[in-house]
Amino acid sequence: MGYLYKQKSRDGTPGRVWWAKYYVDGRPVRESTGTEKEAEAKRFLKLREGAAATGAPIAPRVDRILYDEIAADLRAHYHATGRWKNLGELERGLTHLDRFFRGRRATSVTPDLALRYITERQATKTHLGGFTSNATINRELALLRRMLRLAARHGKVLRVPPFELLKEAPPRAGFFEADRYEAVRRHLAEDLRVAVAFAYTYGWRMRSEVLTLERRHVDLRAGTVRLDPGSTKNSEGRIVYLTPELKTLLAEQLDRVHRLGRRLGRVIPYVFPNLSGRYVGHPRGDFRKAWATACRKAGCPGMLKHNFRRTAVRNLETAGVPRSVAMKITGHKTENVYRRYAIVSDADLQDAVRRLTRITTGITPPSDVAPAQ
């Protein structure tokens, strides 16, 4: 049976930090709990006794555990379990956490330190020139909280400090009208025009679903493109039938890839590889600079590639596609999230008033004139 105590100094006064004594295989072990709070010290002792009773390894003193170690544990956890589908996305989420917390003790991660992190991130500019959004910071704090919870299960921290999340802006409402979409597309390279057309039509996620497509996923004879189960955000497979335009565009793109493979002397399995440069033949990454340049030249700077997802949902709704079918195409798992993407434009509202006027008065207002306010 273990117990807590405080070490006495040479003059006989007790110290401030609690120490724990417990037994491992009949051998007494004395260890600092690293805390002055008795409740936390009791929890520390309970964890140590539980580990000793089950034969689990005893972690070192909690005050010696660094952020670096618990961050490595989180990475190893997701690599082993596969619960984070896109590990590159995980690394991007941890980048700023690593930069700020690296070298700090895990026990120093307090609400005050988290607030300092928030303040620093809010002053950080993004590649688009704006400042980091509260939603992005909240995703990073959620990663930090998962990291600490995992460390607590392993006995490496005594408790998980509460983090107050920031108020997020309403969901984005950006989408592409057809003329803007065509204007941006004209300023992109040929292969990116195909990727953009695919995202615009079906609302697939550009970075994790369109750019990662492999040639085996495309069946031009059947006119289909599929995603394997486990490769998408919701882990479900997906299949879509190609429009005539996309079937032609993909055939041309696959021909480009075939010619590139012959030039390099190897088979290239990707639909959208780098066609030139240092990483020629390797899968294409996120084309941020090319996208920003195209948007600027088209006169709509700041547009997001994710707007294609909202645009596809809006177009499917306008076309009268049943919602259950539309969700299968875009990959939305819940109707609640799908509805957030069903953006309503001014033109939609004006059309609604024209229809209402036609029903209530029998008069059809001109389609090119906005209804009276």
Foldseek 3Di string as FASTA:
>chain_A
DKDKDFDADPVGHGDQWIWIWDDAPNHIDIGTQPDNDPVLVVLLNVVQNVCRVVVHDDDHHLQPAAPVVLVVVLLVVCVVVVLFQDVVVVCVLCVLVCVQRPPHRPQVPAQVSLVVSVVVQQPDADPLGHGDFLVSSQVSVVSVQVSVVVCCVVSNDSDRHDYDRDDGDADDQFADDPVLLVQLLVLFDLLVNLLLVLCLAQVEDRAQPRLAAWPVQDDLVQQKGKAAQSSDPVSGIAMDGHDPVSSVSLVVQVVLQVVQCVVVVHHQGGSAAQCDDDRHSHGDGDPVVSSQVSCVSSPHHPDDSSSSNLNNLLVCVVVVPPPVVSCRRNVPDDVVVSVSSNRDDPLNVQVVVQVVCCVPPVDRDDSVDGDDD
